[in-house]
Amino acid sequence: MANIFLPVENSEEFAQKLGKFIARLRLHLGYSQEDFADVLDVHRTYLTIIERGKVLISLEKTRQIAAKLNLSLARFFTMLEDPEAYAAWEAEVKPVPKKPRRSRRLT
C-alpha cells in the first residue's frame, strides 16, 4: 500500500501542503476566507492559520472539512496527492454563487 505522505519530508511540510490544498479548494469554490470559515464553523483567523500551514490539523478536523465539501476522506487525500484527481473534481464542481456582501458602514 502506497504511503500518501511519502513526498513530504516532515509534519511542517505536510501542514503547508494541506493548508495550500484547502485554500485551493476554497478559491475554486469561490468562497472568501470569511464565508468558508462560516461554512466550516471556525473563526476566520483559524482558517488563515490552517491555510498558511502554521498548524497541523487533526484527522477529525480534516474529515469535517472534507464532509463540508461533500468529499470522503479517501477522495480528499487522493486529490491532495494526485493532480489528475483534483482536475477531475474541479471539472465536476461549480463555484458557489456569490452572496451579497454586508455593508460594514455605521449609519
C-alpha atoms as a PDB file:
ATOM      1  CA  MET A   1       0.000   0.000   0.000  1.00  0.00           C
ATOM      2  CA  ALA A   2       1.427   3.370  -1.026  1.00  0.00           C
ATOM      3  CA  ASN A   3       2.127   5.945   1.668  1.00  0.00           C
ATOM      4  CA  ILE A   4       0.350   9.179   0.687  1.00  0.00           C
ATOM      5  CA  PHE A   5       2.685  11.178   2.913  1.00  0.00           C
ATOM      6  CA  LEU A   6       5.862   9.882   1.265  1.00  0.00           C
ATOM      7  CA  PRO A   7       6.665  13.001  -0.819  1.00  0.00           C
ATOM      8  CA  VAL A   8       6.581  15.157   2.320  1.00  0.00           C
ATOM      9  CA  GLU A   9       9.702  15.365   4.472  1.00  0.00           C
ATOM     10  CA  ASN A  10       8.093  16.277   7.800  1.00  0.00           C
ATOM     11  CA  SER A  11       4.910  17.406   9.516  1.00  0.00           C
ATOM     12  CA  GLU A  12       5.643  21.098   8.873  1.00  0.00           C
ATOM     13  CA  GLU A  13       5.830  20.470   5.135  1.00  0.00           C
ATOM     14  CA  PHE A  14       2.660  18.395   5.283  1.00  0.00           C
ATOM     15  CA  ALA A  15       0.831  21.151   7.196  1.00  0.00           C
ATOM     16  CA  GLN A  16       1.857  23.636   4.484  1.00  0.00           C
ATOM     17  CA  LYS A  17       0.826  21.281   1.681  1.00  0.00           C
ATOM     18  CA  LEU A  18      -2.527  20.565   3.339  1.00  0.00           C
ATOM     19  CA  GLY A  19      -3.158  24.250   4.030  1.00  0.00           C
ATOM     20  CA  LYS A  20      -2.413  25.256   0.449  1.00  0.00           C
ATOM     21  CA  PHE A  21      -4.697  22.484  -0.770  1.00  0.00           C
ATOM     22  CA  ILE A  22      -7.569  23.649   1.436  1.00  0.00           C
ATOM     23  CA  ALA A  23      -7.056  27.210   0.194  1.00  0.00           C
ATOM     24  CA  ARG A  24      -7.083  25.957  -3.404  1.00  0.00           C
ATOM     25  CA  LEU A  25     -10.374  24.140  -2.818  1.00  0.00           C
ATOM     26  CA  ARG A  26     -11.845  27.249  -1.196  1.00  0.00           C
ATOM     27  CA  LEU A  27     -10.751  29.506  -4.035  1.00  0.00           C
ATOM     28  CA  HIS A  28     -12.102  27.145  -6.700  1.00  0.00           C
ATOM     29  CA  LEU A  29     -15.467  27.175  -4.976  1.00  0.00           C
ATOM     30  CA  GLY A  30     -15.412  30.980  -4.889  1.00  0.00           C
ATOM     31  CA  TYR A  31     -15.521  31.373  -1.123  1.00  0.00           C
ATOM     32  CA  SER A  32     -13.860  34.214   0.726  1.00  0.00           C
ATOM     33  CA  GLN A  33     -11.963  33.129   3.816  1.00  0.00           C
ATOM     34  CA  GLU A  34     -14.703  34.629   5.960  1.00  0.00           C
ATOM     35  CA  ASP A  35     -17.504  32.776   4.152  1.00  0.00           C
ATOM     36  CA  PHE A  36     -15.602  29.471   4.109  1.00  0.00           C
ATOM     37  CA  ALA A  37     -14.829  29.831   7.808  1.00  0.00           C
ATOM     38  CA  ASP A  38     -18.577  30.243   8.395  1.00  0.00           C
ATOM     39  CA  VAL A  39     -19.260  27.065   6.381  1.00  0.00           C
ATOM     40  CA  LEU A  40     -16.658  25.187   8.439  1.00  0.00           C
ATOM     41  CA  ASP A  41     -17.862  26.754  11.696  1.00  0.00           C
ATOM     42  CA  VAL A  42     -14.387  28.024  12.592  1.00  0.00           C
ATOM     43  CA  HIS A  43     -13.053  31.518  13.140  1.00  0.00           C
ATOM     44  CA  ARG A  44     -11.590  33.207  10.061  1.00  0.00           C
ATOM     45  CA  THR A  45      -8.210  33.646  11.759  1.00  0.00           C
ATOM     46  CA  TYR A  46      -8.058  29.898  12.458  1.00  0.00           C
ATOM     47  CA  LEU A  47      -8.752  29.184   8.789  1.00  0.00           C
ATOM     48  CA  THR A  48      -5.957  31.607   7.887  1.00  0.00           C
ATOM     49  CA  ILE A  49      -3.558  29.720  10.154  1.00  0.00           C
ATOM     50  CA  ILE A  50      -4.618  26.408   8.592  1.00  0.00           C
ATOM     51  CA  GLU A  51      -4.204  27.708   5.034  1.00  0.00           C
ATOM     52  CA  ARG A  52      -0.768  29.133   5.835  1.00  0.00           C
ATOM     53  CA  GLY A  53       0.317  25.740   7.173  1.00  0.00           C
ATOM     54  CA  LYS A  54       1.061  27.084  10.634  1.00  0.00           C
ATOM     55  CA  VAL A  55      -0.923  24.318  12.323  1.00  0.00           C
ATOM     56  CA  LEU A  56      -1.291  20.643  11.502  1.00  0.00           C
ATOM     57  CA  ILE A  57      -4.997  19.999  11.872  1.00  0.00           C
ATOM     58  CA  SER A  58      -6.342  16.772  13.306  1.00  0.00           C
ATOM     59  CA  LEU A  59      -7.729  13.985  11.206  1.00  0.00           C
ATOM     60  CA  GLU A  60     -11.154  14.783  12.656  1.00  0.00           C
ATOM     61  CA  LYS A  61     -10.938  18.434  11.534  1.00  0.00           C
ATOM     62  CA  THR A  62      -9.753  17.235   8.111  1.00  0.00           C
ATOM     63  CA  ARG A  63     -12.754  14.877   7.969  1.00  0.00           C
ATOM     64  CA  GLN A  64     -15.079  17.744   8.879  1.00  0.00           C
ATOM     65  CA  ILE A  65     -13.633  19.944   6.121  1.00  0.00           C
ATOM     66  CA  ALA A  66     -13.919  17.107   3.587  1.00  0.00           C
ATOM     67  CA  ALA A  67     -17.518  16.447   4.666  1.00  0.00           C
ATOM     68  CA  LYS A  68     -18.454  20.130   4.213  1.00  0.00           C
ATOM     69  CA  LEU A  69     -17.074  19.803   0.671  1.00  0.00           C
ATOM     70  CA  ASN A  70     -19.080  16.596   0.080  1.00  0.00           C
ATOM     71  CA  LEU A  71     -15.869  14.571  -0.143  1.00  0.00           C
ATOM     72  CA  SER A  72     -14.872  11.340   1.523  1.00  0.00           C
ATOM     73  CA  LEU A  73     -11.525  11.387   3.312  1.00  0.00           C
ATOM     74  CA  ALA A  74     -10.244   8.934   0.713  1.00  0.00           C
ATOM     75  CA  ARG A  75     -11.120  11.240  -2.162  1.00  0.00           C
ATOM     76  CA  PHE A  76      -9.839  14.308  -0.279  1.00  0.00           C
ATOM     77  CA  PHE A  77      -6.407  12.719   0.228  1.00  0.00           C
ATOM     78  CA  THR A  78      -6.375  11.281  -3.302  1.00  0.00           C
ATOM     79  CA  MET A  79      -6.975  14.776  -4.678  1.00  0.00           C
ATOM     80  CA  LEU A  80      -4.242  16.130  -2.400  1.00  0.00           C
ATOM     81  CA  GLU A  81      -1.717  13.716  -3.896  1.00  0.00           C
ATOM     82  CA  ASP A  82      -2.957  13.292  -7.475  1.00  0.00           C
ATOM     83  CA  PRO A  83      -3.288  16.331  -9.754  1.00  0.00           C
ATOM     84  CA  GLU A  84      -5.478  14.361 -12.185  1.00  0.00           C
ATOM     85  CA  ALA A  85      -7.938  13.500  -9.405  1.00  0.00           C
ATOM     86  CA  TYR A  86      -8.029  17.168  -8.393  1.00  0.00           C
ATOM     87  CA  ALA A  87      -8.595  18.245 -12.021  1.00  0.00           C
ATOM     88  CA  ALA A  88     -11.490  15.785 -12.332  1.00  0.00           C
ATOM     89  CA  TRP A  89     -13.104  17.225  -9.177  1.00  0.00           C
ATOM     90  CA  GLU A  90     -12.505  20.770 -10.384  1.00  0.00           C
ATOM     91  CA  ALA A  91     -14.272  19.960 -13.668  1.00  0.00           C
ATOM     92  CA  GLU A  92     -17.328  18.489 -11.959  1.00  0.00           C
ATOM     93  CA  VAL A  93     -17.767  21.033  -9.143  1.00  0.00           C
ATOM     94  CA  LYS A  94     -19.022  24.504  -9.900  1.00  0.00           C
ATOM     95  CA  PRO A  95     -18.266  27.531  -7.728  1.00  0.00           C
ATOM     96  CA  VAL A  96     -20.921  28.572  -5.249  1.00  0.00           C
ATOM     97  CA  PRO A  97     -22.900  31.680  -6.170  1.00  0.00           C
ATOM     98  CA  LYS A  98     -21.524  34.803  -4.549  1.00  0.00           C
ATOM     99  CA  LYS A  99     -23.688  36.142  -1.777  1.00  0.00           C
ATOM    100  CA  PRO A 100     -24.099  39.891  -1.396  1.00  0.00           C
ATOM    101  CA  ARG A 101     -21.619  41.470   0.980  1.00  0.00           C
ATOM    102  CA  ARG A 102     -22.973  43.171   4.066  1.00  0.00           C
ATOM    103  CA  SER A 103     -22.224  46.818   4.442  1.00  0.00           C
ATOM    104  CA  ARG A 104     -19.947  47.472   7.376  1.00  0.00           C
ATOM    105  CA  ARG A 105     -20.669  51.170   7.486  1.00  0.00           C
ATOM    106  CA  LEU A 106     -22.218  52.589  10.592  1.00  0.00           C
ATOM    107  CA  THR A 107     -25.175  54.835   9.882  1.00  0.00           C
END
